[in-house]
Amino acid sequence: MLAMILAAVNALLGLGASVGAGIAAIAAGIGIGKIGGAAMEAIARQPEAAGDIRSSMIVIAALIEGVALFAVIVCILALFV
């Protein structure tokens, strides 16, 4: 009986980790898309500030990617630990 319960918990754990990693990747994609769109709009309004806007956009996109990577790693750790 206990073995069946543990097998069911492990199956749900794998499903939860997969869904969590997928949500993290989708959220990062949406966030970077919004940043890119806002940066292009800002560059169109003020072309002389393109370098500053672009560098800020790259830094913020890297931070979002870092958070998404941490989320995926946590999901993988939840799956195997």
N, C-alpha and C. Protein backbone atom coordinates (compact mmCIF):
# COMPACT_ATOMS: atom_id res chain seq x y z
N MET A 1 0.82 -1.19 0.00
CA MET A 1 0.00 0.00 0.00
C MET A 1 0.87 1.26 0.00
N LEU A 2 1.89 1.26 0.87
CA LEU A 2 2.78 2.42 0.96
C LEU A 2 3.56 2.61 -0.33
N ALA A 3 3.95 1.52 -0.97
CA ALA A 3 4.68 1.61 -2.24
C ALA A 3 3.82 2.26 -3.31
N MET A 4 2.54 1.95 -3.33
CA MET A 4 1.64 2.55 -4.33
C MET A 4 1.48 4.04 -4.07
N ILE A 5 1.40 4.44 -2.82
CA ILE A 5 1.27 5.86 -2.49
C ILE A 5 2.53 6.61 -2.87
N LEU A 6 3.71 6.02 -2.58
CA LEU A 6 4.96 6.66 -2.94
C LEU A 6 5.12 6.78 -4.46
N ALA A 7 4.68 5.79 -5.20
CA ALA A 7 4.75 5.85 -6.66
C ALA A 7 3.85 6.96 -7.19
N ALA A 8 2.67 7.11 -6.60
CA ALA A 8 1.76 8.17 -7.03
C ALA A 8 2.34 9.55 -6.70
N VAL A 9 2.97 9.69 -5.54
CA VAL A 9 3.58 10.96 -5.15
C VAL A 9 4.74 11.29 -6.09
N ASN A 10 5.55 10.31 -6.45
CA ASN A 10 6.66 10.55 -7.37
C ASN A 10 6.15 10.96 -8.75
N ALA A 11 5.07 10.37 -9.19
CA ALA A 11 4.51 10.75 -10.48
C ALA A 11 4.00 12.19 -10.46
N LEU A 12 3.32 12.55 -9.38
CA LEU A 12 2.84 13.93 -9.26
C LEU A 12 3.99 14.91 -9.10
N LEU A 13 5.06 14.49 -8.43
CA LEU A 13 6.22 15.35 -8.28
C LEU A 13 6.85 15.65 -9.64
N GLY A 14 6.95 14.64 -10.48
CA GLY A 14 7.48 14.85 -11.83
C GLY A 14 6.60 15.77 -12.65
N LEU A 15 5.31 15.60 -12.53
CA LEU A 15 4.37 16.47 -13.25
C LEU A 15 4.47 17.90 -12.75
N GLY A 16 4.54 18.08 -11.44
CA GLY A 16 4.65 19.42 -10.88
C GLY A 16 5.95 20.10 -11.28
N ALA A 17 7.06 19.36 -11.28
CA ALA A 17 8.34 19.93 -11.68
C ALA A 17 8.33 20.33 -13.15
N SER A 18 7.72 19.52 -13.97
CA SER A 18 7.63 19.84 -15.40
C SER A 18 6.78 21.08 -15.65
N VAL A 19 5.65 21.16 -14.98
CA VAL A 19 4.78 22.33 -15.13
C VAL A 19 5.47 23.58 -14.61
N GLY A 20 6.17 23.46 -13.48
CA GLY A 20 6.89 24.60 -12.92
C GLY A 20 7.97 25.11 -13.84
N ALA A 21 8.74 24.21 -14.44
CA ALA A 21 9.79 24.61 -15.38
C ALA A 21 9.19 25.25 -16.62
N GLY A 22 8.08 24.71 -17.09
CA GLY A 22 7.42 25.29 -18.25
C GLY A 22 6.88 26.69 -17.98
N ILE A 23 6.29 26.88 -16.83
CA ILE A 23 5.76 28.20 -16.47
C ILE A 23 6.91 29.20 -16.34
N ALA A 24 8.03 28.78 -15.76
CA ALA A 24 9.18 29.68 -15.62
C ALA A 24 9.70 30.10 -16.99
N ALA A 25 9.79 29.16 -17.93
CA ALA A 25 10.29 29.48 -19.26
C ALA A 25 9.32 30.40 -20.01
N ILE A 26 8.05 30.14 -19.90
CA ILE A 26 7.05 30.98 -20.57
C ILE A 26 7.04 32.38 -19.98
N ALA A 27 7.11 32.49 -18.67
CA ALA A 27 7.11 33.80 -18.03
C ALA A 27 8.35 34.60 -18.41
N ALA A 28 9.50 33.94 -18.51
CA ALA A 28 10.72 34.64 -18.92
C ALA A 28 10.59 35.13 -20.36
N GLY A 29 10.01 34.32 -21.22
CA GLY A 29 9.81 34.75 -22.61
C GLY A 29 8.88 35.95 -22.71
N ILE A 30 7.82 35.93 -21.95
CA ILE A 30 6.89 37.07 -21.95
C ILE A 30 7.58 38.32 -21.41
N GLY A 31 8.33 38.18 -20.32
CA GLY A 31 9.03 39.32 -19.74
C GLY A 31 10.04 39.93 -20.68
N ILE A 32 10.83 39.11 -21.34
CA ILE A 32 11.83 39.62 -22.27
C ILE A 32 11.16 40.23 -23.49
N GLY A 33 10.05 39.67 -23.92
CA GLY A 33 9.30 40.27 -25.04
C GLY A 33 8.78 41.65 -24.69
N LYS A 34 8.27 41.80 -23.48
CA LYS A 34 7.79 43.13 -23.06
C LYS A 34 8.94 44.12 -22.96
N ILE A 35 10.06 43.67 -22.44
CA ILE A 35 11.22 44.56 -22.34
C ILE A 35 11.68 44.99 -23.73
N GLY A 36 11.77 44.05 -24.64
CA GLY A 36 12.20 44.37 -26.00
C GLY A 36 11.25 45.35 -26.68
N GLY A 37 9.96 45.12 -26.53
CA GLY A 37 8.97 46.02 -27.14
C GLY A 37 9.05 47.42 -26.56
N ALA A 38 9.18 47.50 -25.24
CA ALA A 38 9.28 48.81 -24.60
C ALA A 38 10.57 49.52 -24.98
N ALA A 39 11.64 48.77 -25.11
CA ALA A 39 12.92 49.38 -25.50
C ALA A 39 12.85 49.90 -26.94
N MET A 40 12.25 49.14 -27.83
CA MET A 40 12.14 49.61 -29.22
C MET A 40 11.27 50.86 -29.31
N GLU A 41 10.22 50.90 -28.52
CA GLU A 41 9.37 52.10 -28.49
C GLU A 41 10.14 53.29 -27.94
N ALA A 42 10.94 53.05 -26.89
CA ALA A 42 11.72 54.14 -26.31
C ALA A 42 12.78 54.64 -27.28
N ILE A 43 13.41 53.73 -28.02
CA ILE A 43 14.42 54.12 -29.00
C ILE A 43 13.78 54.89 -30.14
N ALA A 44 12.56 54.51 -30.52
CA ALA A 44 11.86 55.23 -31.58
C ALA A 44 11.51 56.65 -31.14
N ARG A 45 11.23 56.83 -29.87
CA ARG A 45 10.89 58.17 -29.37
C ARG A 45 12.13 59.04 -29.18
N GLN A 46 13.22 58.43 -28.73
CA GLN A 46 14.46 59.17 -28.49
C GLN A 46 15.64 58.40 -29.09
N PRO A 47 15.89 58.56 -30.38
CA PRO A 47 16.98 57.81 -31.02
C PRO A 47 18.36 58.13 -30.45
N GLU A 48 18.55 59.33 -29.91
CA GLU A 48 19.87 59.69 -29.38
C GLU A 48 20.21 58.93 -28.10
N ALA A 49 19.23 58.35 -27.43
CA ALA A 49 19.47 57.59 -26.21
C ALA A 49 19.48 56.08 -26.46
N ALA A 50 19.68 55.68 -27.71
CA ALA A 50 19.59 54.25 -28.06
C ALA A 50 20.61 53.40 -27.32
N GLY A 51 21.83 53.90 -27.18
CA GLY A 51 22.87 53.12 -26.50
C GLY A 51 22.55 52.85 -25.04
N ASP A 52 22.09 53.88 -24.34
CA ASP A 52 21.73 53.71 -22.93
C ASP A 52 20.54 52.77 -22.76
N ILE A 53 19.56 52.94 -23.62
CA ILE A 53 18.36 52.09 -23.54
C ILE A 53 18.71 50.64 -23.84
N ARG A 54 19.54 50.43 -24.86
CA ARG A 54 19.93 49.07 -25.24
C ARG A 54 20.71 48.39 -24.11
N SER A 55 21.64 49.12 -23.50
CA SER A 55 22.43 48.49 -22.43
C SER A 55 21.55 48.18 -21.21
N SER A 56 20.62 49.05 -20.89
CA SER A 56 19.69 48.77 -19.80
C SER A 56 18.81 47.57 -20.11
N MET A 57 18.38 47.48 -21.37
CA MET A 57 17.54 46.36 -21.79
C MET A 57 18.30 45.04 -21.65
N ILE A 58 19.56 45.03 -22.03
CA ILE A 58 20.35 43.79 -21.96
C ILE A 58 20.55 43.37 -20.51
N VAL A 59 20.82 44.32 -19.63
CA VAL A 59 21.01 43.99 -18.21
C VAL A 59 19.73 43.42 -17.61
N ILE A 60 18.60 44.05 -17.90
CA ILE A 60 17.33 43.57 -17.34
C ILE A 60 16.97 42.20 -17.92
N ALA A 61 17.22 42.00 -19.22
CA ALA A 61 16.94 40.69 -19.83
C ALA A 61 17.82 39.60 -19.20
N ALA A 62 19.07 39.92 -18.90
CA ALA A 62 19.96 38.95 -18.27
C ALA A 62 19.46 38.60 -16.87
N LEU A 63 18.96 39.60 -16.13
CA LEU A 63 18.42 39.32 -14.80
C LEU A 63 17.20 38.42 -14.88
N ILE A 64 16.34 38.65 -15.86
CA ILE A 64 15.16 37.80 -16.03
C ILE A 64 15.57 36.38 -16.39
N GLU A 65 16.55 36.24 -17.27
CA GLU A 65 17.03 34.91 -17.63
C GLU A 65 17.61 34.19 -16.41
N GLY A 66 18.30 34.93 -15.56
CA GLY A 66 18.86 34.34 -14.35
C GLY A 66 17.79 33.82 -13.42
N VAL A 67 16.73 34.59 -13.25
CA VAL A 67 15.62 34.15 -12.40
C VAL A 67 14.95 32.91 -13.00
N ALA A 68 14.78 32.90 -14.31
CA ALA A 68 14.17 31.74 -14.97
C ALA A 68 15.06 30.51 -14.82
N LEU A 69 16.36 30.69 -14.93
CA LEU A 69 17.28 29.57 -14.75
C LEU A 69 17.21 29.02 -13.33
N PHE A 70 17.16 29.91 -12.34
CA PHE A 70 17.02 29.45 -10.96
C PHE A 70 15.72 28.68 -10.78
N ALA A 71 14.64 29.14 -11.38
CA ALA A 71 13.35 28.46 -11.26
C ALA A 71 13.41 27.06 -11.86
N VAL A 72 14.04 26.94 -13.02
CA VAL A 72 14.15 25.63 -13.66
C VAL A 72 15.03 24.70 -12.82
N ILE A 73 16.11 25.23 -12.26
CA ILE A 73 17.00 24.41 -11.41
C ILE A 73 16.25 23.93 -10.17
N VAL A 74 15.45 24.80 -9.56
CA VAL A 74 14.68 24.40 -8.39
C VAL A 74 13.71 23.29 -8.78
N CYS A 75 13.08 23.39 -9.93
CA CYS A 75 12.17 22.34 -10.39
C CYS A 75 12.90 21.02 -10.62
N ILE A 76 14.09 21.09 -11.18
CA ILE A 76 14.87 19.88 -11.40
C ILE A 76 15.30 19.27 -10.05
N LEU A 77 15.71 20.12 -9.13
CA LEU A 77 16.08 19.61 -7.81
C LEU A 77 14.89 18.98 -7.09
N ALA A 78 13.71 19.57 -7.25
CA ALA A 78 12.52 19.00 -6.64
C ALA A 78 12.21 17.64 -7.25
N LEU A 79 12.55 17.47 -8.49
CA LEU A 79 12.28 16.21 -9.17
C LEU A 79 13.21 15.09 -8.68
N PHE A 80 14.49 15.41 -8.46
CA PHE A 80 15.46 14.36 -8.14
C PHE A 80 15.79 14.24 -6.67
N VAL A 81 15.42 15.20 -5.86
CA VAL A 81 15.77 15.12 -4.43
C VAL A 81 14.57 14.72 -3.61
